Amino acid sequence: MVDEASYKVLDEIASVEVGAQDKPLEDVVIETVEVAD
């Protein structure tokens, strides 16, 4: 189940600046994860 908050996270990850080979210039870290049953 994907909600608006999930899409917001995806948009933020997709918008980071990248360098060679599409590698982010700064590390992208997901600090928490929620799993719904």
PDB file of N, CA and C in Angstrom:
ATOM      1  N   MET A   1       0.848  -1.169   0.000  1.00  0.00           N
ATOM      2  CA  MET A   1       0.000   0.000   0.000  1.00  0.00           C
ATOM      3  C   MET A   1       0.898   1.238   0.000  1.00  0.00           C
ATOM      4  N   VAL A   2       0.751   2.061  -0.997  1.00  0.00           N
ATOM      5  CA  VAL A   2       1.568   3.260  -1.130  1.00  0.00           C
ATOM      6  C   VAL A   2       0.689   4.474  -0.883  1.00  0.00           C
ATOM      7  N   ASP A   3       1.165   5.340   0.021  1.00  0.00           N
ATOM      8  CA  ASP A   3       0.391   6.538   0.331  1.00  0.00           C
ATOM      9  C   ASP A   3       1.177   7.787  -0.061  1.00  0.00           C
ATOM     10  N   GLU A   4       0.614   8.943   0.212  1.00  0.00           N
ATOM     11  CA  GLU A   4       1.229  10.213  -0.166  1.00  0.00           C
ATOM     12  C   GLU A   4       2.604  10.400   0.479  1.00  0.00           C
ATOM     13  N   ALA A   5       2.755   9.980   1.729  1.00  0.00           N
ATOM     14  CA  ALA A   5       4.042  10.109   2.416  1.00  0.00           C
ATOM     15  C   ALA A   5       5.120   9.272   1.718  1.00  0.00           C
ATOM     16  N   SER A   6       4.744   8.099   1.231  1.00  0.00           N
ATOM     17  CA  SER A   6       5.695   7.238   0.516  1.00  0.00           C
ATOM     18  C   SER A   6       6.176   7.912  -0.764  1.00  0.00           C
ATOM     19  N   TYR A   7       5.243   8.512  -1.496  1.00  0.00           N
ATOM     20  CA  TYR A   7       5.621   9.211  -2.720  1.00  0.00           C
ATOM     21  C   TYR A   7       6.513  10.412  -2.422  1.00  0.00           C
ATOM     22  N   LYS A   8       6.280  11.078  -1.301  1.00  0.00           N
ATOM     23  CA  LYS A   8       7.114  12.215  -0.914  1.00  0.00           C
ATOM     24  C   LYS A   8       8.559  11.760  -0.702  1.00  0.00           C
ATOM     25  N   VAL A   9       8.735  10.629  -0.020  1.00  0.00           N
ATOM     26  CA  VAL A   9      10.079  10.086   0.207  1.00  0.00           C
ATOM     27  C   VAL A   9      10.742   9.747  -1.127  1.00  0.00           C
ATOM     28  N   LEU A  10      10.004   9.105  -2.020  1.00  0.00           N
ATOM     29  CA  LEU A  10      10.556   8.758  -3.330  1.00  0.00           C
ATOM     30  C   LEU A  10      10.979  10.002  -4.100  1.00  0.00           C
ATOM     31  N   ASP A  11      10.159  11.043  -4.059  1.00  0.00           N
ATOM     32  CA  ASP A  11      10.491  12.293  -4.743  1.00  0.00           C
ATOM     33  C   ASP A  11      11.755  12.920  -4.173  1.00  0.00           C
ATOM     34  N   GLU A  12      11.906  12.880  -2.854  1.00  0.00           N
ATOM     35  CA  GLU A  12      13.099  13.451  -2.220  1.00  0.00           C
ATOM     36  C   GLU A  12      14.353  12.677  -2.622  1.00  0.00           C
ATOM     37  N   ILE A  13      14.256  11.361  -2.654  1.00  0.00           N
ATOM     38  CA  ILE A  13      15.400  10.541  -3.059  1.00  0.00           C
ATOM     39  C   ILE A  13      15.732  10.802  -4.528  1.00  0.00           C
ATOM     40  N   ALA A  14      14.713  10.893  -5.365  1.00  0.00           N
ATOM     41  CA  ALA A  14      14.928  11.102  -6.798  1.00  0.00           C
ATOM     42  C   ALA A  14      15.517  12.470  -7.107  1.00  0.00           C
ATOM     43  N   SER A  15      15.362  13.427  -6.209  1.00  0.00           N
ATOM     44  CA  SER A  15      15.811  14.788  -6.491  1.00  0.00           C
ATOM     45  C   SER A  15      17.228  15.090  -5.997  1.00  0.00           C
ATOM     46  N   VAL A  16      17.915  14.119  -5.388  1.00  0.00           N
ATOM     47  CA  VAL A  16      19.273  14.393  -4.910  1.00  0.00           C
ATOM     48  C   VAL A  16      20.217  14.558  -6.099  1.00  0.00           C
ATOM     49  N   GLU A  17      21.218  15.389  -5.911  1.00  0.00           N
ATOM     50  CA  GLU A  17      22.195  15.642  -6.956  1.00  0.00           C
ATOM     51  C   GLU A  17      23.111  14.432  -7.105  1.00  0.00           C
ATOM     52  N   VAL A  18      23.376  14.053  -8.352  1.00  0.00           N
ATOM     53  CA  VAL A  18      24.203  12.876  -8.619  1.00  0.00           C
ATOM     54  C   VAL A  18      25.438  13.263  -9.414  1.00  0.00           C
ATOM     55  N   GLY A  19      26.424  12.399  -9.332  1.00  0.00           N
ATOM     56  CA  GLY A  19      27.667  12.600 -10.074  1.00  0.00           C
ATOM     57  C   GLY A  19      27.856  11.482 -11.076  1.00  0.00           C
ATOM     58  N   ALA A  20      29.088  11.007 -11.163  1.00  0.00           N
ATOM     59  CA  ALA A  20      29.431   9.953 -12.117  1.00  0.00           C
ATOM     60  C   ALA A  20      28.602   8.696 -11.869  1.00  0.00           C
ATOM     61  N   GLN A  21      28.172   8.078 -12.948  1.00  0.00           N
ATOM     62  CA  GLN A  21      27.405   6.830 -12.906  1.00  0.00           C
ATOM     63  C   GLN A  21      26.130   6.952 -12.077  1.00  0.00           C
ATOM     64  N   ASP A  22      25.527   8.151 -12.040  1.00  0.00           N
ATOM     65  CA  ASP A  22      24.278   8.411 -11.305  1.00  0.00           C
ATOM     66  C   ASP A  22      24.385   8.118  -9.815  1.00  0.00           C
ATOM     67  N   LYS A  23      25.594   8.190  -9.262  1.00  0.00           N
ATOM     68  CA  LYS A  23      25.804   7.981  -7.822  1.00  0.00           C
ATOM     69  C   LYS A  23      25.545   9.301  -7.100  1.00  0.00           C
ATOM     70  N   PRO A  24      24.726   9.289  -6.036  1.00  0.00           N
ATOM     71  CA  PRO A  24      24.474  10.525  -5.285  1.00  0.00           C
ATOM     72  C   PRO A  24      25.778  11.125  -4.761  1.00  0.00           C
ATOM     73  N   LEU A  25      25.868  12.467  -4.783  1.00  0.00           N
ATOM     74  CA  LEU A  25      27.061  13.146  -4.277  1.00  0.00           C
ATOM     75  C   LEU A  25      27.169  13.005  -2.767  1.00  0.00           C
ATOM     76  N   GLU A  26      26.025  12.907  -2.092  1.00  0.00           N
ATOM     77  CA  GLU A  26      25.986  12.649  -0.651  1.00  0.00           C
ATOM     78  C   GLU A  26      25.190  11.375  -0.429  1.00  0.00           C
ATOM     79  N   ASP A  27      25.533  10.629   0.621  1.00  0.00           N
ATOM     80  CA  ASP A  27      24.815   9.393   0.918  1.00  0.00           C
ATOM     81  C   ASP A  27      23.338   9.664   1.173  1.00  0.00           C
ATOM     82  N   VAL A  28      22.495   8.774   0.675  1.00  0.00           N
ATOM     83  CA  VAL A  28      21.061   8.816   0.938  1.00  0.00           C
ATOM     84  C   VAL A  28      20.778   7.698   1.934  1.00  0.00           C
ATOM     85  N   VAL A  29      20.236   8.058   3.105  1.00  0.00           N
ATOM     86  CA  VAL A  29      20.019   7.088   4.169  1.00  0.00           C
ATOM     87  C   VAL A  29      18.549   7.094   4.572  1.00  0.00           C
ATOM     88  N   ILE A  30      17.928   5.927   4.575  1.00  0.00           N
ATOM     89  CA  ILE A  30      16.569   5.773   5.094  1.00  0.00           C
ATOM     90  C   ILE A  30      16.719   5.382   6.555  1.00  0.00           C
ATOM     91  N   GLU A  31      16.282   6.268   7.449  1.00  0.00           N
ATOM     92  CA  GLU A  31      16.523   6.075   8.882  1.00  0.00           C
ATOM     93  C   GLU A  31      15.471   5.213   9.571  1.00  0.00           C
ATOM     94  N   THR A  32      14.244   5.235   9.100  1.00  0.00           N
ATOM     95  CA  THR A  32      13.194   4.414   9.708  1.00  0.00           C
ATOM     96  C   THR A  32      12.333   3.788   8.618  1.00  0.00           C
ATOM     97  N   VAL A  33      11.744   2.662   8.948  1.00  0.00           N
ATOM     98  CA  VAL A  33      10.848   1.954   8.036  1.00  0.00           C
ATOM     99  C   VAL A  33       9.669   1.454   8.842  1.00  0.00           C
ATOM    100  N   GLU A  34       8.471   1.614   8.295  1.00  0.00           N
ATOM    101  CA  GLU A  34       7.272   1.053   8.920  1.00  0.00           C
ATOM    102  C   GLU A  34       6.708  -0.013   7.997  1.00  0.00           C
ATOM    103  N   VAL A  35       6.375  -1.152   8.560  1.00  0.00           N
ATOM    104  CA  VAL A  35       5.787  -2.238   7.792  1.00  0.00           C
ATOM    105  C   VAL A  35       4.362  -2.432   8.277  1.00  0.00           C
ATOM    106  N   ALA A  36       3.415  -2.297   7.350  1.00  0.00           N
ATOM    107  CA  ALA A  36       2.004  -2.480   7.688  1.00  0.00           C
ATOM    108  C   ALA A  36       1.578  -3.876   7.259  1.00  0.00           C
ATOM    109  N   ASP A  37       0.782  -4.494   8.063  1.00  0.00           N
ATOM    110  CA  ASP A  37       0.335  -5.854   7.772  1.00  0.00           C
ATOM    111  C   ASP A  37      -1.018  -5.848   7.130  1.00  0.00           C
TER     112      ASP A  37
END
